N, C-alpha and C. Protein backbone atom coordinates (compact mmCIF):
# COMPACT_ATOMS: atom_id res chain seq x y z
N MET A 1 0.84 -1.18 0.00
CA MET A 1 0.00 0.00 0.00
C MET A 1 0.89 1.25 0.00
N PRO A 2 0.68 2.17 -0.90
CA PRO A 2 1.53 3.37 -0.93
C PRO A 2 1.24 4.32 0.23
N TYR A 3 2.22 5.10 0.54
CA TYR A 3 2.11 6.12 1.59
C TYR A 3 1.16 7.22 1.12
N ASN A 4 0.19 7.56 1.94
CA ASN A 4 -0.78 8.60 1.63
C ASN A 4 -0.33 9.90 2.31
N ARG A 5 0.37 10.72 1.56
CA ARG A 5 0.94 11.96 2.07
C ARG A 5 -0.14 12.91 2.60
N GLU A 6 -1.25 12.99 1.88
CA GLU A 6 -2.32 13.89 2.29
C GLU A 6 -2.92 13.46 3.63
N ALA A 7 -3.07 12.15 3.84
CA ALA A 7 -3.60 11.64 5.12
C ALA A 7 -2.65 11.97 6.27
N ALA A 8 -1.36 11.84 6.03
CA ALA A 8 -0.38 12.18 7.07
C ALA A 8 -0.46 13.66 7.44
N VAL A 9 -0.59 14.51 6.43
CA VAL A 9 -0.68 15.95 6.67
C VAL A 9 -2.00 16.29 7.38
N ARG A 10 -3.10 15.65 7.00
CA ARG A 10 -4.39 15.88 7.69
C ARG A 10 -4.26 15.53 9.17
N TYR A 11 -3.63 14.39 9.44
CA TYR A 11 -3.43 13.99 10.83
C TYR A 11 -2.62 15.05 11.57
N ALA A 12 -1.54 15.51 10.97
CA ALA A 12 -0.70 16.52 11.61
C ALA A 12 -1.50 17.77 11.94
N HIS A 13 -2.28 18.26 10.99
CA HIS A 13 -3.09 19.46 11.24
C HIS A 13 -4.08 19.23 12.38
N GLU A 14 -4.65 18.04 12.43
CA GLU A 14 -5.65 17.74 13.47
C GLU A 14 -5.04 17.72 14.87
N TRP A 15 -3.82 17.20 15.00
CA TRP A 15 -3.25 16.95 16.31
C TRP A 15 -2.06 17.84 16.68
N VAL A 16 -1.72 18.81 15.87
CA VAL A 16 -0.51 19.59 16.13
C VAL A 16 -0.58 20.40 17.42
N TYR A 17 -1.74 20.91 17.79
CA TYR A 17 -1.84 21.74 18.99
C TYR A 17 -2.49 21.01 20.16
N ARG A 18 -2.64 19.72 20.05
CA ARG A 18 -3.15 18.90 21.15
C ARG A 18 -2.54 17.52 21.01
N ARG A 19 -2.87 16.64 21.94
CA ARG A 19 -2.28 15.30 21.94
C ARG A 19 -3.36 14.24 21.76
N ASN A 20 -3.09 13.31 20.86
CA ASN A 20 -4.00 12.19 20.63
C ASN A 20 -3.93 11.29 21.87
N PRO A 21 -5.06 11.03 22.52
CA PRO A 21 -5.02 10.22 23.75
C PRO A 21 -4.62 8.76 23.52
N LYS A 22 -4.54 8.32 22.28
CA LYS A 22 -4.08 6.94 21.99
C LYS A 22 -2.58 6.78 22.20
N TYR A 23 -1.87 7.91 22.29
CA TYR A 23 -0.41 7.89 22.40
C TYR A 23 0.05 8.69 23.60
N TYR A 24 1.12 8.26 24.19
CA TYR A 24 1.71 8.98 25.31
C TYR A 24 2.32 10.29 24.81
N ASP A 25 2.30 11.31 25.65
CA ASP A 25 2.91 12.59 25.34
C ASP A 25 4.31 12.62 25.98
N PHE A 26 5.34 12.60 25.16
CA PHE A 26 6.72 12.56 25.64
C PHE A 26 7.30 13.96 25.87
N SER A 27 6.48 14.99 25.83
CA SER A 27 6.98 16.37 25.94
C SER A 27 7.82 16.61 27.18
N GLN A 28 7.46 16.00 28.30
CA GLN A 28 8.16 16.26 29.55
C GLN A 28 9.38 15.36 29.76
N ILE A 29 9.60 14.42 28.85
CA ILE A 29 10.74 13.51 29.03
C ILE A 29 11.56 13.40 27.75
N GLY A 30 11.94 14.54 27.22
CA GLY A 30 12.84 14.55 26.08
C GLY A 30 12.25 15.11 24.80
N GLY A 31 10.95 15.25 24.73
CA GLY A 31 10.33 15.82 23.54
C GLY A 31 9.38 14.87 22.84
N ASP A 32 8.41 15.43 22.17
CA ASP A 32 7.36 14.64 21.53
C ASP A 32 7.43 14.71 20.01
N CYS A 33 8.47 15.28 19.46
CA CYS A 33 8.50 15.54 18.01
C CYS A 33 8.46 14.26 17.17
N THR A 34 9.32 13.30 17.46
CA THR A 34 9.37 12.11 16.61
C THR A 34 8.16 11.21 16.87
N ASN A 35 7.66 11.18 18.10
CA ASN A 35 6.42 10.47 18.40
C ASN A 35 5.30 11.02 17.52
N PHE A 36 5.18 12.34 17.43
CA PHE A 36 4.16 12.98 16.60
C PHE A 36 4.35 12.65 15.12
N ILE A 37 5.59 12.69 14.65
CA ILE A 37 5.88 12.35 13.25
C ILE A 37 5.50 10.89 12.98
N SER A 38 5.84 9.99 13.90
CA SER A 38 5.49 8.58 13.73
C SER A 38 3.98 8.39 13.66
N GLN A 39 3.26 9.10 14.50
CA GLN A 39 1.79 9.02 14.44
C GLN A 39 1.28 9.45 13.07
N ALA A 40 1.81 10.54 12.54
CA ALA A 40 1.38 11.04 11.23
C ALA A 40 1.73 10.05 10.12
N LEU A 41 2.93 9.46 10.18
CA LEU A 41 3.32 8.47 9.17
C LEU A 41 2.40 7.25 9.23
N PHE A 42 2.08 6.81 10.44
CA PHE A 42 1.16 5.69 10.60
C PHE A 42 -0.23 6.05 10.05
N ALA A 43 -0.70 7.26 10.31
CA ALA A 43 -1.99 7.71 9.76
C ALA A 43 -1.95 7.77 8.23
N GLY A 44 -0.76 7.96 7.68
CA GLY A 44 -0.59 8.00 6.24
C GLY A 44 -0.43 6.61 5.61
N GLY A 45 -0.52 5.57 6.43
CA GLY A 45 -0.50 4.22 5.89
C GLY A 45 0.81 3.47 6.03
N ILE A 46 1.80 4.05 6.69
CA ILE A 46 3.04 3.30 6.93
C ILE A 46 2.71 2.22 7.97
N PRO A 47 2.93 0.95 7.65
CA PRO A 47 2.57 -0.10 8.60
C PRO A 47 3.58 -0.22 9.74
N MET A 48 3.06 -0.51 10.93
CA MET A 48 3.96 -0.76 12.05
C MET A 48 4.73 -2.05 11.78
N ASP A 49 5.97 -2.04 12.22
CA ASP A 49 6.87 -3.19 12.11
C ASP A 49 7.16 -3.63 13.54
N LYS A 50 6.50 -4.70 13.97
CA LYS A 50 6.51 -5.07 15.38
C LYS A 50 7.68 -5.95 15.81
N LYS A 51 8.69 -6.04 14.97
CA LYS A 51 9.91 -6.74 15.37
C LYS A 51 10.64 -5.91 16.44
N PRO A 52 11.46 -6.56 17.27
CA PRO A 52 12.16 -5.82 18.33
C PRO A 52 12.96 -4.61 17.82
N ASP A 53 13.52 -4.71 16.63
CA ASP A 53 14.28 -3.59 16.08
C ASP A 53 13.46 -2.81 15.05
N GLY A 54 12.13 -2.90 15.15
CA GLY A 54 11.23 -2.30 14.17
C GLY A 54 10.79 -0.89 14.52
N TRP A 55 9.57 -0.59 14.11
CA TRP A 55 8.96 0.73 14.29
C TRP A 55 7.51 0.48 14.68
N TYR A 56 7.21 0.64 15.96
CA TYR A 56 5.85 0.36 16.43
C TYR A 56 5.60 1.06 17.75
N TYR A 57 4.32 1.14 18.10
CA TYR A 57 3.89 1.70 19.38
C TYR A 57 2.72 0.87 19.89
N ARG A 58 2.86 0.34 21.09
CA ARG A 58 1.76 -0.33 21.78
C ARG A 58 1.37 0.44 23.03
N SER A 59 2.39 0.97 23.72
CA SER A 59 2.20 1.75 24.95
C SER A 59 3.50 2.52 25.20
N PRO A 60 3.48 3.41 26.18
CA PRO A 60 4.73 4.14 26.47
C PRO A 60 5.90 3.22 26.81
N ASP A 61 5.59 2.09 27.43
CA ASP A 61 6.65 1.16 27.82
C ASP A 61 6.88 0.04 26.83
N ASP A 62 6.08 0.00 25.79
CA ASP A 62 6.21 -1.06 24.77
C ASP A 62 6.14 -0.40 23.39
N ARG A 63 7.28 0.15 23.01
CA ARG A 63 7.41 0.81 21.70
C ARG A 63 8.84 0.60 21.23
N ALA A 64 9.01 0.67 19.94
CA ALA A 64 10.36 0.59 19.38
C ALA A 64 11.06 1.93 19.57
N PRO A 65 12.37 1.93 19.80
CA PRO A 65 13.10 3.19 19.89
C PRO A 65 12.88 4.09 18.67
N ALA A 66 12.71 3.48 17.50
CA ALA A 66 12.51 4.26 16.27
C ALA A 66 11.22 5.06 16.29
N TRP A 67 10.26 4.70 17.12
CA TRP A 67 8.97 5.41 17.17
C TRP A 67 9.15 6.82 17.72
N SER A 68 10.05 7.00 18.68
CA SER A 68 10.12 8.28 19.37
C SER A 68 11.50 8.92 19.43
N SER A 69 12.48 8.35 18.76
CA SER A 69 13.84 8.90 18.76
C SER A 69 14.20 9.41 17.37
N VAL A 70 14.71 10.63 17.31
CA VAL A 70 15.10 11.23 16.03
C VAL A 70 16.10 10.34 15.30
N SER A 71 17.19 9.99 15.95
CA SER A 71 18.24 9.22 15.29
C SER A 71 17.79 7.79 14.98
N LYS A 72 17.01 7.19 15.87
CA LYS A 72 16.57 5.81 15.65
C LYS A 72 15.55 5.73 14.52
N LEU A 73 14.70 6.76 14.36
CA LEU A 73 13.78 6.78 13.22
C LEU A 73 14.57 6.81 11.92
N TYR A 74 15.60 7.65 11.87
CA TYR A 74 16.45 7.75 10.69
C TYR A 74 17.13 6.40 10.41
N GLU A 75 17.72 5.81 11.44
CA GLU A 75 18.41 4.53 11.27
C GLU A 75 17.46 3.45 10.77
N TYR A 76 16.27 3.39 11.35
CA TYR A 76 15.30 2.38 10.95
C TYR A 76 14.88 2.59 9.49
N GLY A 77 14.48 3.81 9.16
CA GLY A 77 13.95 4.08 7.83
C GLY A 77 14.95 3.99 6.70
N THR A 78 16.24 4.23 7.00
CA THR A 78 17.24 4.23 5.93
C THR A 78 17.94 2.89 5.77
N ARG A 79 17.75 1.97 6.71
CA ARG A 79 18.40 0.67 6.53
C ARG A 79 17.61 -0.16 5.52
N LYS A 80 18.29 -0.97 4.83
CA LYS A 80 17.69 -1.75 3.74
C LYS A 80 16.72 -2.81 4.25
N LYS A 81 16.85 -3.23 5.52
CA LYS A 81 16.01 -4.29 6.05
C LYS A 81 14.71 -3.78 6.65
N SER A 82 14.44 -2.47 6.63
CA SER A 82 13.22 -1.99 7.26
C SER A 82 12.02 -2.64 6.59
N ASN A 83 11.01 -2.89 7.37
CA ASN A 83 9.86 -3.65 6.89
C ASN A 83 8.63 -2.74 6.88
N GLY A 84 8.46 -2.00 5.82
CA GLY A 84 7.27 -1.16 5.71
C GLY A 84 7.58 0.28 5.37
N MET A 85 8.58 0.88 6.01
CA MET A 85 8.90 2.29 5.79
C MET A 85 10.26 2.43 5.14
N THR A 86 10.36 3.37 4.23
CA THR A 86 11.67 3.76 3.71
C THR A 86 11.83 5.27 3.90
N LEU A 87 13.02 5.67 4.25
CA LEU A 87 13.41 7.07 4.32
C LEU A 87 14.65 7.21 3.46
N THR A 88 14.61 8.13 2.52
CA THR A 88 15.72 8.35 1.62
C THR A 88 16.09 9.83 1.65
N GLU A 89 17.36 10.12 1.92
CA GLU A 89 17.78 11.52 1.92
C GLU A 89 17.64 12.09 0.51
N ILE A 90 17.07 13.29 0.45
CA ILE A 90 16.84 13.96 -0.83
C ILE A 90 17.34 15.40 -0.74
N PRO A 91 17.62 16.00 -1.90
CA PRO A 91 17.99 17.43 -1.88
C PRO A 91 16.75 18.27 -1.53
N PRO A 92 16.95 19.41 -0.89
CA PRO A 92 15.82 20.26 -0.50
C PRO A 92 14.87 20.60 -1.65
N ALA A 93 15.38 20.70 -2.87
CA ALA A 93 14.54 21.06 -4.02
C ALA A 93 13.52 19.97 -4.36
N GLU A 94 13.67 18.77 -3.79
CA GLU A 94 12.74 17.67 -4.08
C GLU A 94 11.71 17.42 -2.98
N ILE A 95 11.69 18.26 -1.96
CA ILE A 95 10.78 18.07 -0.83
C ILE A 95 9.33 18.13 -1.29
N GLN A 96 8.53 17.20 -0.74
CA GLN A 96 7.08 17.15 -0.99
C GLN A 96 6.35 17.11 0.35
N ILE A 97 5.06 17.41 0.33
CA ILE A 97 4.29 17.27 1.55
C ILE A 97 4.37 15.82 2.02
N GLY A 98 4.33 15.64 3.33
CA GLY A 98 4.42 14.30 3.91
C GLY A 98 5.83 13.81 4.11
N ASP A 99 6.83 14.51 3.60
CA ASP A 99 8.21 14.14 3.85
C ASP A 99 8.60 14.59 5.26
N VAL A 100 9.71 14.07 5.75
CA VAL A 100 10.21 14.40 7.08
C VAL A 100 11.49 15.20 6.94
N ILE A 101 11.64 16.18 7.81
CA ILE A 101 12.88 16.94 7.90
C ILE A 101 13.40 16.78 9.31
N GLN A 102 14.69 16.52 9.44
CA GLN A 102 15.31 16.45 10.76
C GLN A 102 16.34 17.56 10.87
N LEU A 103 16.39 18.16 12.07
CA LEU A 103 17.28 19.29 12.32
C LEU A 103 18.38 18.90 13.30
N SER A 104 19.53 19.53 13.11
CA SER A 104 20.65 19.41 14.04
C SER A 104 20.89 20.77 14.66
N PHE A 105 21.02 20.79 15.98
CA PHE A 105 21.32 22.02 16.69
C PHE A 105 22.74 21.99 17.29
N ARG A 106 23.36 20.79 17.26
CA ARG A 106 24.73 20.60 17.73
C ARG A 106 25.44 19.69 16.75
N GLN A 107 26.68 19.99 16.50
CA GLN A 107 27.48 19.20 15.56
C GLN A 107 27.39 17.71 15.88
N GLY A 108 27.02 16.91 14.88
CA GLY A 108 26.98 15.46 15.03
C GLY A 108 25.74 14.91 15.71
N GLU A 109 24.77 15.77 16.07
CA GLU A 109 23.56 15.33 16.75
C GLU A 109 22.33 15.81 16.00
N TRP A 110 21.41 14.91 15.77
CA TRP A 110 20.13 15.27 15.16
C TRP A 110 19.10 15.30 16.28
N GLY A 111 18.40 16.42 16.44
CA GLY A 111 17.58 16.60 17.63
C GLY A 111 16.13 16.96 17.43
N HIS A 112 15.64 17.05 16.20
CA HIS A 112 14.24 17.46 16.03
C HIS A 112 13.72 16.90 14.71
N SER A 113 12.48 16.39 14.73
CA SER A 113 11.82 15.88 13.53
C SER A 113 10.60 16.73 13.21
N LEU A 114 10.40 17.01 11.93
CA LEU A 114 9.31 17.85 11.44
C LEU A 114 8.61 17.15 10.27
N LEU A 115 7.33 17.46 10.08
CA LEU A 115 6.60 16.94 8.93
C LEU A 115 6.32 18.08 7.96
N VAL A 116 6.61 17.88 6.70
CA VAL A 116 6.35 18.90 5.69
C VAL A 116 4.85 18.91 5.38
N VAL A 117 4.22 20.08 5.57
CA VAL A 117 2.78 20.20 5.29
C VAL A 117 2.49 21.05 4.05
N ARG A 118 3.51 21.76 3.58
CA ARG A 118 3.37 22.52 2.33
C ARG A 118 4.75 22.74 1.76
N ALA A 119 4.85 22.65 0.44
CA ALA A 119 6.12 22.91 -0.24
C ALA A 119 5.81 23.67 -1.52
N GLY A 120 6.58 24.71 -1.79
CA GLY A 120 6.38 25.47 -3.01
C GLY A 120 6.79 24.70 -4.25
N ASP A 121 6.54 25.28 -5.42
CA ASP A 121 6.92 24.63 -6.68
C ASP A 121 8.42 24.40 -6.78
N SER A 122 9.19 25.32 -6.23
CA SER A 122 10.64 25.17 -6.11
C SER A 122 10.97 25.25 -4.63
N PRO A 123 10.87 24.11 -3.91
CA PRO A 123 11.00 24.15 -2.45
C PRO A 123 12.32 24.73 -1.98
N ASP A 124 12.23 25.61 -1.00
CA ASP A 124 13.40 26.15 -0.31
C ASP A 124 12.98 26.49 1.12
N GLU A 125 13.89 27.01 1.91
CA GLU A 125 13.61 27.24 3.32
C GLU A 125 12.49 28.24 3.57
N SER A 126 12.16 29.08 2.59
CA SER A 126 11.11 30.07 2.79
C SER A 126 9.71 29.53 2.46
N ASN A 127 9.61 28.54 1.59
CA ASN A 127 8.28 28.07 1.20
C ASN A 127 8.00 26.62 1.58
N VAL A 128 8.90 26.01 2.33
CA VAL A 128 8.62 24.70 2.92
C VAL A 128 8.07 24.97 4.31
N LEU A 129 6.83 24.54 4.55
CA LEU A 129 6.17 24.76 5.82
C LEU A 129 6.00 23.42 6.54
N ILE A 130 6.15 23.46 7.84
CA ILE A 130 6.17 22.22 8.62
C ILE A 130 5.15 22.26 9.75
N ALA A 131 4.88 21.05 10.27
CA ALA A 131 4.13 20.88 11.52
C ALA A 131 5.04 20.10 12.46
N ALA A 132 4.97 20.42 13.76
CA ALA A 132 5.84 19.75 14.72
C ALA A 132 5.27 19.82 16.12
N HIS A 133 5.64 18.85 16.93
CA HIS A 133 5.38 18.86 18.37
C HIS A 133 6.65 19.25 19.10
N SER A 134 6.55 19.34 20.38
CA SER A 134 7.52 19.80 21.37
C SER A 134 7.35 21.30 21.47
N ASN A 135 7.80 22.07 20.51
CA ASN A 135 7.34 23.45 20.35
C ASN A 135 6.30 23.37 19.25
N ASP A 136 5.03 23.26 19.65
CA ASP A 136 3.96 22.98 18.68
C ASP A 136 3.86 24.09 17.64
N ASN A 137 3.91 23.68 16.38
CA ASN A 137 3.83 24.62 15.26
C ASN A 137 3.13 23.97 14.09
N ASP A 138 2.38 24.78 13.36
CA ASP A 138 1.76 24.35 12.11
C ASP A 138 1.99 25.45 11.08
N PHE A 139 2.31 25.06 9.88
CA PHE A 139 2.60 26.00 8.80
C PHE A 139 3.78 26.91 9.14
N ARG A 140 4.75 26.39 9.90
CA ARG A 140 5.93 27.17 10.24
C ARG A 140 6.96 27.04 9.12
N PRO A 141 7.52 28.16 8.66
CA PRO A 141 8.56 28.08 7.62
C PRO A 141 9.81 27.37 8.14
N LEU A 142 10.34 26.49 7.35
CA LEU A 142 11.56 25.78 7.71
C LEU A 142 12.68 26.76 8.03
N GLY A 143 12.78 27.83 7.29
CA GLY A 143 13.84 28.82 7.48
C GLY A 143 13.78 29.56 8.81
N SER A 144 12.67 29.43 9.54
CA SER A 144 12.55 30.14 10.82
C SER A 144 13.27 29.42 11.96
N TYR A 145 13.79 28.22 11.69
CA TYR A 145 14.58 27.51 12.70
C TYR A 145 16.01 28.02 12.63
N VAL A 146 16.23 29.21 13.15
CA VAL A 146 17.51 29.89 12.98
C VAL A 146 18.63 29.27 13.81
N ARG A 147 18.30 28.52 14.86
CA ARG A 147 19.33 27.88 15.67
C ARG A 147 19.84 26.59 15.04
N ALA A 148 19.13 26.05 14.07
CA ALA A 148 19.56 24.80 13.44
C ALA A 148 20.82 25.04 12.63
N ILE A 149 21.78 24.13 12.79
CA ILE A 149 23.02 24.25 12.03
C ILE A 149 23.00 23.38 10.77
N ALA A 150 22.05 22.44 10.72
CA ALA A 150 21.93 21.58 9.55
C ALA A 150 20.53 20.96 9.53
N HIS A 151 20.11 20.57 8.34
CA HIS A 151 18.87 19.79 8.24
C HIS A 151 19.03 18.76 7.14
N ARG A 152 18.29 17.67 7.32
CA ARG A 152 18.26 16.65 6.28
C ARG A 152 16.80 16.39 5.93
N ALA A 153 16.56 16.34 4.63
CA ALA A 153 15.23 16.08 4.10
C ALA A 153 15.13 14.59 3.76
N LEU A 154 14.04 13.97 4.18
CA LEU A 154 13.86 12.53 4.02
C LEU A 154 12.57 12.23 3.25
N ARG A 155 12.70 11.60 2.12
CA ARG A 155 11.55 11.16 1.35
C ARG A 155 10.97 9.93 2.03
N VAL A 156 9.69 9.99 2.34
CA VAL A 156 9.00 8.87 3.00
C VAL A 156 8.37 8.00 1.93
N GLY A 157 8.54 6.70 2.08
CA GLY A 157 7.92 5.74 1.17
C GLY A 157 7.64 4.44 1.90
N THR A 158 7.07 3.51 1.17
CA THR A 158 6.80 2.19 1.73
C THR A 158 7.71 1.17 1.07
N ALA A 159 8.10 0.18 1.85
CA ALA A 159 9.01 -0.86 1.36
C ALA A 159 8.24 -1.92 0.62
């Protein structure tokens, strides 16, 4: 089943300023950004992979690290053995709605995940708009993250 980008974006708009009671809110224990992104990807049709090294959520104490960790989501989605989700690094000019962007605020560390909710015809930092948890935002320009020292754009797909 292909990834439904529009469904992921609809989910993000619905839950960006509140928390879905089906999922734990990690805001007070490290941040809720990747948890929110995972929820949106799941709403877009990415199937959970319930293997121990997979991508799934059953409860706050029974979830894969990839569900709520920036770096673990990247590792899971970019490895060739992932079962259901693929993440492929793309140039910023290829960003589409439903893609994921990860930000680095310290050299060698990726610390924030965002969902693209709008992208211009020629995507750049001024016309790529995102939704995110932790600091809840919707339709925020990517370029407004002035503290970020780097970002990586990830094309979301199904395996």
